[in-house]
Amino acid sequence: VRSPYAHARITSVMRQLAEKGLSYDQAAGLKHLHLLTESHEQELIQALSRYPELVESAALSHEPHQLAHYLRELANGFHTYYNAHQFLVEQGGLRDARLALVNAVGQVIRNALALLGAIYLEHGMFHAVPLLWRLHRMHHADLDFDVTAGARFPPSEIILSMLFKLAVIAVIGAPAAVVILFEVLLNGTAMF
């Protein structure tokens, strides 16, 4: 609940920016990141820098809950920052840097929620759609859960899964190479 609320607050800040007749220059914001010296800002920057590694870790260990816990921590950090600082300050460089930071938080929240939702949606589709279930049921055929359980996906399901994730990633704007790497790592290590 805190992640979508954080995203709503970020959207509200950007709406207030327009209502006040102010502008946001992303390039200037990125150029002025050195102005983000407050402890809350540094903590958010540190949290954002952990995101790619955390996604990889969650994928390799088959623990999507890591992503959910990260989202909660990121949202809590953002809410603390939101309550402690003004974003729409007069100094343009600082304003743009703060808005670049909060927009980065919003992008990570959107991406992580999309990944979590996509994984859940995809798995649900493979159970609910009869044609997809015919592919997926092979995974459930053996009641003895062992190291081979991760290998009981037919290649056609793996390809469909990869195409679905590529579509999701295209929507959220991540590079397709990242998804391909994710799928190779996920499926290549599913038995270990």
N, C-alpha and C. Protein backbone atom coordinates (compact mmCIF):
# COMPACT_ATOMS: atom_id res chain seq x y z
N VAL A 1 0.83 -1.19 0.00
CA VAL A 1 0.00 0.00 0.00
C VAL A 1 0.88 1.26 0.00
N ARG A 2 2.02 1.21 0.67
CA ARG A 2 2.85 2.40 0.76
C ARG A 2 3.50 2.76 -0.57
N SER A 3 3.78 1.77 -1.41
CA SER A 3 4.42 2.04 -2.70
C SER A 3 3.49 2.80 -3.64
N PRO A 4 2.24 2.33 -3.84
CA PRO A 4 1.35 3.12 -4.70
C PRO A 4 1.08 4.52 -4.14
N TYR A 5 1.03 4.66 -2.82
CA TYR A 5 0.82 5.97 -2.22
C TYR A 5 2.02 6.88 -2.50
N ALA A 6 3.22 6.32 -2.44
CA ALA A 6 4.41 7.10 -2.78
C ALA A 6 4.33 7.56 -4.23
N HIS A 7 3.91 6.68 -5.10
CA HIS A 7 3.78 7.04 -6.51
C HIS A 7 2.73 8.14 -6.68
N ALA A 8 1.64 8.05 -5.95
CA ALA A 8 0.60 9.09 -6.02
C ALA A 8 1.15 10.43 -5.53
N ARG A 9 1.96 10.41 -4.49
CA ARG A 9 2.55 11.66 -3.98
C ARG A 9 3.49 12.27 -5.02
N ILE A 10 4.26 11.44 -5.69
CA ILE A 10 5.18 11.94 -6.72
C ILE A 10 4.39 12.59 -7.85
N THR A 11 3.32 11.95 -8.26
CA THR A 11 2.45 12.50 -9.30
C THR A 11 1.88 13.85 -8.85
N SER A 12 1.52 13.92 -7.58
CA SER A 12 0.98 15.16 -7.02
C SER A 12 2.02 16.28 -7.04
N VAL A 13 3.26 15.95 -6.71
CA VAL A 13 4.33 16.95 -6.74
C VAL A 13 4.49 17.50 -8.15
N MET A 14 4.45 16.62 -9.14
CA MET A 14 4.62 17.07 -10.53
C MET A 14 3.42 17.92 -10.97
N ARG A 15 2.23 17.59 -10.49
CA ARG A 15 1.05 18.40 -10.80
C ARG A 15 1.17 19.78 -10.15
N GLN A 16 1.65 19.82 -8.90
CA GLN A 16 1.83 21.10 -8.20
C GLN A 16 2.86 21.96 -8.92
N LEU A 17 3.89 21.32 -9.48
CA LEU A 17 4.91 22.03 -10.24
C LEU A 17 4.26 22.80 -11.38
N ALA A 18 3.41 22.12 -12.13
CA ALA A 18 2.72 22.76 -13.25
C ALA A 18 1.76 23.84 -12.76
N GLU A 19 1.05 23.58 -11.67
CA GLU A 19 0.10 24.57 -11.15
C GLU A 19 0.79 25.85 -10.70
N LYS A 20 2.02 25.73 -10.22
CA LYS A 20 2.78 26.89 -9.77
C LYS A 20 3.50 27.59 -10.92
N GLY A 21 3.36 27.05 -12.12
CA GLY A 21 4.02 27.66 -13.27
C GLY A 21 5.51 27.43 -13.30
N LEU A 22 5.98 26.44 -12.57
CA LEU A 22 7.41 26.12 -12.56
C LEU A 22 7.67 25.03 -13.59
N SER A 23 8.94 24.86 -13.92
CA SER A 23 9.30 23.83 -14.89
C SER A 23 10.31 22.88 -14.28
N TYR A 24 10.43 21.74 -14.93
CA TYR A 24 11.39 20.71 -14.52
C TYR A 24 12.24 20.36 -15.72
N ASP A 25 13.55 20.43 -15.54
CA ASP A 25 14.50 20.08 -16.59
C ASP A 25 15.29 18.87 -16.09
N GLN A 26 14.98 17.70 -16.65
CA GLN A 26 15.62 16.48 -16.18
C GLN A 26 17.14 16.53 -16.36
N ALA A 27 17.59 17.01 -17.50
CA ALA A 27 19.04 17.08 -17.74
C ALA A 27 19.72 17.98 -16.70
N ALA A 28 19.09 19.09 -16.37
CA ALA A 28 19.65 19.98 -15.34
C ALA A 28 19.62 19.29 -13.98
N GLY A 29 18.55 18.54 -13.73
CA GLY A 29 18.46 17.81 -12.46
C GLY A 29 19.58 16.81 -12.31
N LEU A 30 19.85 16.07 -13.38
CA LEU A 30 20.93 15.09 -13.33
C LEU A 30 22.29 15.77 -13.19
N LYS A 31 22.42 16.94 -13.79
CA LYS A 31 23.67 17.72 -13.70
C LYS A 31 23.90 18.25 -12.29
N HIS A 32 22.80 18.48 -11.55
CA HIS A 32 22.90 19.07 -10.22
C HIS A 32 22.67 18.08 -9.08
N LEU A 33 22.84 16.80 -9.33
CA LEU A 33 22.66 15.80 -8.27
C LEU A 33 23.61 16.03 -7.09
N HIS A 34 24.73 16.69 -7.34
CA HIS A 34 25.67 16.98 -6.25
C HIS A 34 25.05 17.88 -5.18
N LEU A 35 23.95 18.55 -5.51
CA LEU A 35 23.28 19.41 -4.52
C LEU A 35 22.44 18.60 -3.52
N LEU A 36 22.26 17.33 -3.78
CA LEU A 36 21.46 16.48 -2.89
C LEU A 36 22.34 15.97 -1.76
N THR A 37 22.46 16.79 -0.74
CA THR A 37 23.37 16.48 0.37
C THR A 37 22.66 16.11 1.66
N GLU A 38 21.35 16.27 1.70
CA GLU A 38 20.60 15.92 2.92
C GLU A 38 20.66 14.41 3.14
N SER A 39 20.61 13.99 4.39
CA SER A 39 20.72 12.56 4.70
C SER A 39 19.60 11.75 4.05
N HIS A 40 18.39 12.30 4.01
CA HIS A 40 17.28 11.57 3.37
C HIS A 40 17.54 11.37 1.88
N GLU A 41 18.14 12.37 1.26
CA GLU A 41 18.44 12.27 -0.17
C GLU A 41 19.52 11.21 -0.42
N GLN A 42 20.54 11.22 0.39
CA GLN A 42 21.62 10.25 0.24
C GLN A 42 21.11 8.82 0.48
N GLU A 43 20.22 8.66 1.45
CA GLU A 43 19.64 7.34 1.72
C GLU A 43 18.81 6.84 0.54
N LEU A 44 18.03 7.74 -0.07
CA LEU A 44 17.24 7.35 -1.24
C LEU A 44 18.14 6.99 -2.42
N ILE A 45 19.19 7.77 -2.63
CA ILE A 45 20.13 7.48 -3.72
C ILE A 45 20.76 6.11 -3.51
N GLN A 46 21.14 5.82 -2.28
CA GLN A 46 21.73 4.52 -1.95
C GLN A 46 20.72 3.40 -2.20
N ALA A 47 19.48 3.61 -1.78
CA ALA A 47 18.44 2.59 -1.98
C ALA A 47 18.20 2.35 -3.47
N LEU A 48 18.16 3.41 -4.26
CA LEU A 48 17.95 3.26 -5.70
C LEU A 48 19.11 2.50 -6.35
N SER A 49 20.32 2.74 -5.87
CA SER A 49 21.49 2.07 -6.46
C SER A 49 21.47 0.56 -6.22
N ARG A 50 20.73 0.11 -5.20
CA ARG A 50 20.65 -1.32 -4.90
C ARG A 50 19.63 -2.06 -5.77
N TYR A 51 18.77 -1.34 -6.45
CA TYR A 51 17.66 -1.97 -7.18
C TYR A 51 18.10 -3.01 -8.21
N PRO A 52 19.03 -2.70 -9.14
CA PRO A 52 19.40 -3.73 -10.14
C PRO A 52 19.94 -5.00 -9.50
N GLU A 53 20.78 -4.85 -8.50
CA GLU A 53 21.34 -6.01 -7.81
C GLU A 53 20.26 -6.80 -7.09
N LEU A 54 19.29 -6.10 -6.51
CA LEU A 54 18.22 -6.77 -5.79
C LEU A 54 17.33 -7.56 -6.75
N VAL A 55 17.03 -7.00 -7.92
CA VAL A 55 16.23 -7.72 -8.91
C VAL A 55 16.96 -8.99 -9.33
N GLU A 56 18.24 -8.88 -9.57
CA GLU A 56 19.03 -10.05 -9.95
C GLU A 56 19.02 -11.09 -8.84
N SER A 57 19.22 -10.65 -7.61
CA SER A 57 19.23 -11.57 -6.47
C SER A 57 17.88 -12.26 -6.31
N ALA A 58 16.80 -11.51 -6.42
CA ALA A 58 15.45 -12.08 -6.29
C ALA A 58 15.21 -13.12 -7.38
N ALA A 59 15.68 -12.83 -8.60
CA ALA A 59 15.49 -13.77 -9.70
C ALA A 59 16.32 -15.04 -9.50
N LEU A 60 17.58 -14.87 -9.14
CA LEU A 60 18.46 -16.03 -8.98
C LEU A 60 18.05 -16.93 -7.83
N SER A 61 17.53 -16.33 -6.78
CA SER A 61 17.15 -17.13 -5.61
C SER A 61 15.67 -17.52 -5.63
N HIS A 62 14.95 -17.11 -6.68
CA HIS A 62 13.51 -17.40 -6.80
C HIS A 62 12.75 -16.90 -5.58
N GLU A 63 13.07 -15.68 -5.17
CA GLU A 63 12.45 -15.08 -3.99
C GLU A 63 11.91 -13.69 -4.33
N PRO A 64 10.76 -13.63 -5.04
CA PRO A 64 10.23 -12.32 -5.41
C PRO A 64 9.86 -11.46 -4.20
N HIS A 65 9.71 -12.08 -3.03
CA HIS A 65 9.39 -11.30 -1.83
C HIS A 65 10.50 -10.30 -1.50
N GLN A 66 11.74 -10.58 -1.96
CA GLN A 66 12.82 -9.62 -1.75
C GLN A 66 12.45 -8.28 -2.38
N LEU A 67 11.85 -8.35 -3.56
CA LEU A 67 11.44 -7.13 -4.26
C LEU A 67 10.33 -6.42 -3.50
N ALA A 68 9.39 -7.17 -2.94
CA ALA A 68 8.31 -6.57 -2.16
C ALA A 68 8.86 -5.87 -0.91
N HIS A 69 9.81 -6.51 -0.23
CA HIS A 69 10.41 -5.90 0.95
C HIS A 69 11.18 -4.63 0.58
N TYR A 70 11.90 -4.70 -0.53
CA TYR A 70 12.63 -3.53 -1.01
C TYR A 70 11.68 -2.37 -1.30
N LEU A 71 10.57 -2.67 -1.96
CA LEU A 71 9.59 -1.63 -2.27
C LEU A 71 9.07 -0.96 -1.01
N ARG A 72 8.79 -1.75 0.01
CA ARG A 72 8.31 -1.19 1.27
C ARG A 72 9.36 -0.25 1.87
N GLU A 73 10.61 -0.68 1.87
CA GLU A 73 11.69 0.15 2.41
C GLU A 73 11.88 1.43 1.59
N LEU A 74 11.83 1.30 0.26
CA LEU A 74 11.98 2.47 -0.60
C LEU A 74 10.84 3.46 -0.37
N ALA A 75 9.62 2.95 -0.30
CA ALA A 75 8.46 3.82 -0.07
C ALA A 75 8.56 4.50 1.29
N ASN A 76 8.97 3.77 2.31
CA ASN A 76 9.13 4.38 3.63
C ASN A 76 10.17 5.49 3.59
N GLY A 77 11.29 5.22 2.91
CA GLY A 77 12.33 6.25 2.77
C GLY A 77 11.82 7.47 2.04
N PHE A 78 11.04 7.24 0.98
CA PHE A 78 10.48 8.36 0.24
C PHE A 78 9.52 9.17 1.10
N HIS A 79 8.64 8.50 1.86
CA HIS A 79 7.68 9.23 2.69
C HIS A 79 8.39 10.06 3.75
N THR A 80 9.46 9.53 4.30
CA THR A 80 10.24 10.29 5.27
C THR A 80 10.83 11.54 4.61
N TYR A 81 11.37 11.38 3.42
CA TYR A 81 11.93 12.49 2.65
C TYR A 81 10.84 13.50 2.31
N TYR A 82 9.72 13.02 1.85
CA TYR A 82 8.58 13.88 1.46
C TYR A 82 8.13 14.74 2.64
N ASN A 83 8.07 14.15 3.81
CA ASN A 83 7.60 14.87 5.00
C ASN A 83 8.64 15.84 5.56
N ALA A 84 9.91 15.66 5.20
CA ALA A 84 10.97 16.47 5.78
C ALA A 84 11.44 17.62 4.88
N HIS A 85 11.17 17.54 3.59
CA HIS A 85 11.76 18.52 2.66
C HIS A 85 10.74 19.03 1.65
N GLN A 86 10.98 20.26 1.20
CA GLN A 86 10.22 20.84 0.10
C GLN A 86 10.94 20.49 -1.20
N PHE A 87 10.19 20.10 -2.20
CA PHE A 87 10.79 19.79 -3.49
C PHE A 87 10.74 20.99 -4.43
N LEU A 88 9.67 21.76 -4.34
CA LEU A 88 9.45 22.87 -5.25
C LEU A 88 10.05 24.15 -4.68
N VAL A 89 11.37 24.14 -4.56
CA VAL A 89 12.10 25.28 -4.00
C VAL A 89 12.41 26.28 -5.11
N GLU A 90 12.79 27.49 -4.73
CA GLU A 90 13.07 28.54 -5.70
C GLU A 90 14.33 28.25 -6.53
N GLN A 91 15.37 27.72 -5.87
CA GLN A 91 16.64 27.46 -6.57
C GLN A 91 16.42 26.36 -7.61
N GLY A 92 16.51 26.72 -8.89
CA GLY A 92 16.20 25.81 -9.99
C GLY A 92 17.02 24.54 -10.01
N GLY A 93 18.33 24.66 -9.77
CA GLY A 93 19.19 23.48 -9.80
C GLY A 93 18.81 22.46 -8.73
N LEU A 94 18.57 22.96 -7.52
CA LEU A 94 18.18 22.07 -6.43
C LEU A 94 16.80 21.48 -6.69
N ARG A 95 15.88 22.31 -7.18
CA ARG A 95 14.54 21.82 -7.49
C ARG A 95 14.61 20.71 -8.53
N ASP A 96 15.36 20.94 -9.61
CA ASP A 96 15.47 19.93 -10.66
C ASP A 96 16.13 18.66 -10.14
N ALA A 97 17.15 18.80 -9.28
CA ALA A 97 17.82 17.62 -8.72
C ALA A 97 16.86 16.83 -7.83
N ARG A 98 16.09 17.53 -7.00
CA ARG A 98 15.13 16.83 -6.13
C ARG A 98 14.04 16.16 -6.95
N LEU A 99 13.59 16.84 -7.99
CA LEU A 99 12.56 16.23 -8.84
C LEU A 99 13.12 15.05 -9.62
N ALA A 100 14.38 15.11 -10.02
CA ALA A 100 15.01 13.96 -10.68
C ALA A 100 15.05 12.77 -9.72
N LEU A 101 15.36 13.04 -8.46
CA LEU A 101 15.41 11.98 -7.45
C LEU A 101 14.03 11.37 -7.24
N VAL A 102 13.02 12.21 -7.04
CA VAL A 102 11.69 11.65 -6.77
C VAL A 102 11.12 10.96 -8.00
N ASN A 103 11.45 11.45 -9.19
CA ASN A 103 11.01 10.76 -10.41
C ASN A 103 11.71 9.41 -10.56
N ALA A 104 12.97 9.33 -10.15
CA ALA A 104 13.68 8.05 -10.17
C ALA A 104 13.02 7.07 -9.20
N VAL A 105 12.65 7.56 -8.02
CA VAL A 105 11.94 6.70 -7.07
C VAL A 105 10.63 6.22 -7.69
N GLY A 106 9.90 7.10 -8.33
CA GLY A 106 8.65 6.73 -8.97
C GLY A 106 8.85 5.69 -10.06
N GLN A 107 9.90 5.85 -10.85
CA GLN A 107 10.17 4.90 -11.94
C GLN A 107 10.49 3.52 -11.38
N VAL A 108 11.31 3.47 -10.34
CA VAL A 108 11.65 2.18 -9.73
C VAL A 108 10.41 1.53 -9.12
N ILE A 109 9.57 2.32 -8.48
CA ILE A 109 8.33 1.77 -7.91
C ILE A 109 7.46 1.20 -9.02
N ARG A 110 7.29 1.93 -10.11
CA ARG A 110 6.47 1.44 -11.23
C ARG A 110 7.06 0.15 -11.81
N ASN A 111 8.37 0.15 -12.01
CA ASN A 111 9.02 -1.04 -12.59
C ASN A 111 8.89 -2.25 -11.67
N ALA A 112 9.14 -2.05 -10.38
CA ALA A 112 9.08 -3.18 -9.45
C ALA A 112 7.65 -3.71 -9.31
N LEU A 113 6.68 -2.82 -9.24
CA LEU A 113 5.29 -3.27 -9.16
C LEU A 113 4.89 -4.00 -10.44
N ALA A 114 5.37 -3.52 -11.58
CA ALA A 114 5.07 -4.19 -12.84
C ALA A 114 5.70 -5.58 -12.87
N LEU A 115 6.94 -5.69 -12.41
CA LEU A 115 7.58 -7.00 -12.37
C LEU A 115 6.84 -7.96 -11.45
N LEU A 116 6.50 -7.49 -10.26
CA LEU A 116 5.77 -8.35 -9.34
C LEU A 116 4.41 -8.73 -9.91
N GLY A 117 3.72 -7.78 -10.47
CA GLY A 117 2.42 -8.06 -11.05
C GLY A 117 2.51 -8.95 -12.27
N ALA A 118 3.54 -8.75 -13.08
CA ALA A 118 3.71 -9.56 -14.28
C ALA A 118 3.98 -11.01 -13.93
N ILE A 119 4.80 -11.24 -12.94
CA ILE A 119 5.11 -12.61 -12.53
C ILE A 119 3.84 -13.29 -12.03
N TYR A 120 3.08 -12.59 -11.20
CA TYR A 120 1.84 -13.14 -10.67
C TYR A 120 0.82 -13.37 -11.79
N LEU A 121 0.66 -12.37 -12.66
CA LEU A 121 -0.30 -12.46 -13.76
C LEU A 121 0.08 -13.60 -14.70
N GLU A 122 1.34 -13.68 -15.05
CA GLU A 122 1.78 -14.73 -15.96
C GLU A 122 1.51 -16.11 -15.38
N HIS A 123 1.87 -16.31 -14.13
CA HIS A 123 1.66 -17.62 -13.52
C HIS A 123 0.16 -17.94 -13.46
N GLY A 124 -0.65 -16.96 -13.12
CA GLY A 124 -2.09 -17.16 -13.08
C GLY A 124 -2.66 -17.52 -14.45
N MET A 125 -2.14 -16.88 -15.50
CA MET A 125 -2.60 -17.19 -16.85
C MET A 125 -2.27 -18.63 -17.23
N PHE A 126 -1.08 -19.09 -16.84
CA PHE A 126 -0.69 -20.46 -17.17
C PHE A 126 -1.55 -21.48 -16.43
N HIS A 127 -2.18 -21.08 -15.35
CA HIS A 127 -3.09 -21.98 -14.64
C HIS A 127 -4.53 -21.85 -15.14
N ALA A 128 -4.92 -20.67 -15.59
CA ALA A 128 -6.34 -20.40 -15.92
C ALA A 128 -6.70 -20.63 -17.38
N VAL A 129 -5.79 -20.40 -18.29
CA VAL A 129 -6.09 -20.54 -19.71
C VAL A 129 -5.81 -21.99 -20.13
N PRO A 130 -6.82 -22.70 -20.60
CA PRO A 130 -6.66 -24.14 -20.88
C PRO A 130 -5.47 -24.49 -21.77
N LEU A 131 -5.25 -23.74 -22.84
CA LEU A 131 -4.12 -24.04 -23.72
C LEU A 131 -2.79 -23.87 -22.98
N LEU A 132 -2.68 -22.81 -22.20
CA LEU A 132 -1.45 -22.58 -21.44
C LEU A 132 -1.29 -23.61 -20.33
N TRP A 133 -2.40 -24.02 -19.73
CA TRP A 133 -2.34 -25.04 -18.69
C TRP A 133 -1.81 -26.35 -19.24
N ARG A 134 -2.17 -26.67 -20.50
CA ARG A 134 -1.66 -27.91 -21.11
C ARG A 134 -0.13 -27.89 -21.14
N LEU A 135 0.46 -26.72 -21.32
CA LEU A 135 1.92 -26.61 -21.29
C LEU A 135 2.44 -26.66 -19.86
N HIS A 136 1.79 -25.93 -19.00
CA HIS A 136 2.30 -25.72 -17.64
C HIS A 136 2.10 -26.93 -16.73
N ARG A 137 1.08 -27.73 -16.97
CA ARG A 137 0.79 -28.84 -16.05
C ARG A 137 1.93 -29.83 -15.96
N MET A 138 2.78 -29.87 -16.99
CA MET A 138 3.96 -30.73 -16.93
C MET A 138 4.79 -30.41 -15.69
N HIS A 139 4.84 -29.13 -15.35
CA HIS A 139 5.60 -28.69 -14.18
C HIS A 139 5.01 -29.28 -12.90
N HIS A 140 3.70 -29.52 -12.89
CA HIS A 140 3.03 -30.04 -11.70
C HIS A 140 2.82 -31.55 -11.74
N ALA A 141 3.30 -32.22 -12.79
CA ALA A 141 3.01 -33.63 -12.99
C ALA A 141 3.61 -34.53 -11.91
N ASP A 142 4.78 -34.20 -11.41
CA ASP A 142 5.47 -35.04 -10.44
C ASP A 142 5.27 -34.45 -9.05
N LEU A 143 4.68 -35.23 -8.16
CA LEU A 143 4.44 -34.75 -6.80
C LEU A 143 5.69 -34.75 -5.93
N ASP A 144 6.75 -35.41 -6.40
CA ASP A 144 8.00 -35.42 -5.65
C ASP A 144 8.80 -34.17 -6.01
N PHE A 145 8.80 -33.22 -5.11
CA PHE A 145 9.51 -31.95 -5.35
C PHE A 145 10.99 -32.19 -5.08
N ASP A 146 11.80 -32.08 -6.10
CA ASP A 146 13.24 -32.24 -5.94
C ASP A 146 13.95 -31.25 -6.85
N VAL A 147 15.24 -31.46 -7.04
CA VAL A 147 16.04 -30.51 -7.82
C VAL A 147 15.57 -30.41 -9.27
N THR A 148 14.89 -31.42 -9.76
CA THR A 148 14.44 -31.39 -11.16
C THR A 148 13.15 -30.62 -11.35
N ALA A 149 12.49 -30.18 -10.27
CA ALA A 149 11.21 -29.48 -10.40
C ALA A 149 11.32 -28.24 -11.28
N GLY A 150 12.43 -27.54 -11.17
CA GLY A 150 12.62 -26.34 -11.97
C GLY A 150 12.85 -26.62 -13.44
N ALA A 151 13.16 -27.88 -13.78
CA ALA A 151 13.41 -28.23 -15.18
C ALA A 151 12.17 -28.75 -15.88
N ARG A 152 11.10 -28.90 -15.16
CA ARG A 152 9.89 -29.48 -15.76
C ARG A 152 9.02 -28.42 -16.43
N PHE A 153 9.64 -27.54 -17.15
CA PHE A 153 8.92 -26.57 -17.98
C PHE A 153 9.27 -26.89 -19.42
N PRO A 154 8.28 -27.10 -20.26
CA PRO A 154 8.61 -27.37 -21.67
C PRO A 154 9.18 -26.11 -22.32
N PRO A 155 10.04 -26.29 -23.32
CA PRO A 155 10.63 -25.12 -24.00
C PRO A 155 9.59 -24.13 -24.52
N SER A 156 8.44 -24.62 -24.97
CA SER A 156 7.41 -23.71 -25.48
C SER A 156 6.90 -22.79 -24.37
N GLU A 157 6.79 -23.29 -23.13
CA GLU A 157 6.35 -22.44 -22.03
C GLU A 157 7.42 -21.41 -21.69
N ILE A 158 8.65 -21.83 -21.73
CA ILE A 158 9.75 -20.90 -21.44
C ILE A 158 9.77 -19.78 -22.47
N ILE A 159 9.56 -20.12 -23.74
CA ILE A 159 9.54 -19.10 -24.79
C ILE A 159 8.36 -18.16 -24.61
N LEU A 160 7.17 -18.71 -24.32
CA LEU A 160 6.00 -17.85 -24.08
C LEU A 160 6.21 -16.94 -22.88
N SER A 161 6.80 -17.50 -21.83
CA SER A 161 7.08 -16.72 -20.63
C SER A 161 8.03 -15.57 -20.95
N MET A 162 9.05 -15.87 -21.73
CA MET A 162 10.02 -14.85 -22.10
C MET A 162 9.37 -13.76 -22.95
N LEU A 163 8.52 -14.15 -23.90
CA LEU A 163 7.83 -13.16 -24.73
C LEU A 163 6.91 -12.28 -23.89
N PHE A 164 6.22 -12.88 -22.92
CA PHE A 164 5.35 -12.11 -22.03
C PHE A 164 6.17 -11.08 -21.25
N LYS A 165 7.28 -11.53 -20.69
CA LYS A 165 8.12 -10.61 -19.91
C LYS A 165 8.73 -9.53 -20.80
N LEU A 166 9.10 -9.88 -22.03
CA LEU A 166 9.61 -8.86 -22.95
C LEU A 166 8.56 -7.78 -23.21
N ALA A 167 7.31 -8.20 -23.36
CA ALA A 167 6.24 -7.23 -23.57
C ALA A 167 6.08 -6.32 -22.36
N VAL A 168 6.12 -6.90 -21.15
CA VAL A 168 6.00 -6.10 -19.92
C VAL A 168 7.17 -5.13 -19.82
N ILE A 169 8.36 -5.61 -20.10
CA ILE A 169 9.53 -4.75 -20.00
C ILE A 169 9.46 -3.63 -21.04
N ALA A 170 8.94 -3.93 -22.23
CA ALA A 170 8.79 -2.87 -23.24
C ALA A 170 7.84 -1.79 -22.74
N VAL A 171 6.81 -2.19 -22.03
CA VAL A 171 5.84 -1.23 -21.50
C VAL A 171 6.47 -0.36 -20.42
N ILE A 172 7.30 -0.98 -19.54
CA ILE A 172 7.88 -0.20 -18.44
C ILE A 172 9.20 0.46 -18.83
N GLY A 173 9.73 0.12 -20.00
CA GLY A 173 10.86 0.86 -20.52
C GLY A 173 12.24 0.31 -20.19
N ALA A 174 12.36 -0.90 -19.70
CA ALA A 174 13.68 -1.47 -19.43
C ALA A 174 14.24 -2.07 -20.72
N PRO A 175 15.57 -2.11 -20.85
CA PRO A 175 16.16 -2.68 -22.05
C PRO A 175 15.83 -4.17 -22.20
N ALA A 176 15.52 -4.60 -23.41
CA ALA A 176 15.18 -6.00 -23.68
C ALA A 176 16.33 -6.93 -23.29
N ALA A 177 17.57 -6.46 -23.42
CA ALA A 177 18.72 -7.30 -23.07
C ALA A 177 18.69 -7.70 -21.60
N VAL A 178 18.18 -6.82 -20.76
CA VAL A 178 18.07 -7.12 -19.33
C VAL A 178 17.09 -8.27 -19.11
N VAL A 179 15.98 -8.25 -19.84
CA VAL A 179 14.99 -9.31 -19.71
C VAL A 179 15.55 -10.63 -20.20
N ILE A 180 16.24 -10.60 -21.32
CA ILE A 180 16.83 -11.82 -21.85
C ILE A 180 17.83 -12.38 -20.86
N LEU A 181 18.67 -11.53 -20.29
CA LEU A 181 19.62 -11.98 -19.28
C LEU A 181 18.88 -12.55 -18.07
N PHE A 182 17.81 -11.88 -17.63
CA PHE A 182 17.00 -12.36 -16.51
C PHE A 182 16.47 -13.76 -16.81
N GLU A 183 15.90 -13.97 -17.99
CA GLU A 183 15.33 -15.27 -18.36
C GLU A 183 16.41 -16.34 -18.43
N VAL A 184 17.56 -16.01 -19.02
CA VAL A 184 18.65 -16.98 -19.11
C VAL A 184 19.11 -17.38 -17.72
N LEU A 185 19.31 -16.39 -16.85
CA LEU A 185 19.73 -16.70 -15.48
C LEU A 185 18.66 -17.46 -14.71
N LEU A 186 17.41 -17.04 -14.84
CA LEU A 186 16.32 -17.69 -14.13
C LEU A 186 16.18 -19.15 -14.57
N ASN A 187 16.10 -19.36 -15.86
CA ASN A 187 15.89 -20.71 -16.35
C ASN A 187 17.16 -21.55 -16.28
N GLY A 188 18.31 -20.92 -16.41
CA GLY A 188 19.56 -21.66 -16.32
C GLY A 188 19.91 -22.12 -14.92
N THR A 189 19.36 -21.43 -13.93
CA THR A 189 19.68 -21.81 -12.53
C THR A 189 18.47 -22.40 -11.80
N ALA A 190 17.40 -22.67 -12.53
CA ALA A 190 16.18 -23.16 -11.89
C ALA A 190 16.38 -24.48 -11.14
N MET A 191 17.36 -25.25 -11.52
CA MET A 191 17.56 -26.54 -10.86
C MET A 191 18.47 -26.45 -9.64
N PHE A 192 19.10 -25.30 -9.43
CA PHE A 192 20.10 -25.25 -8.37
C PHE A 192 19.71 -24.37 -7.22
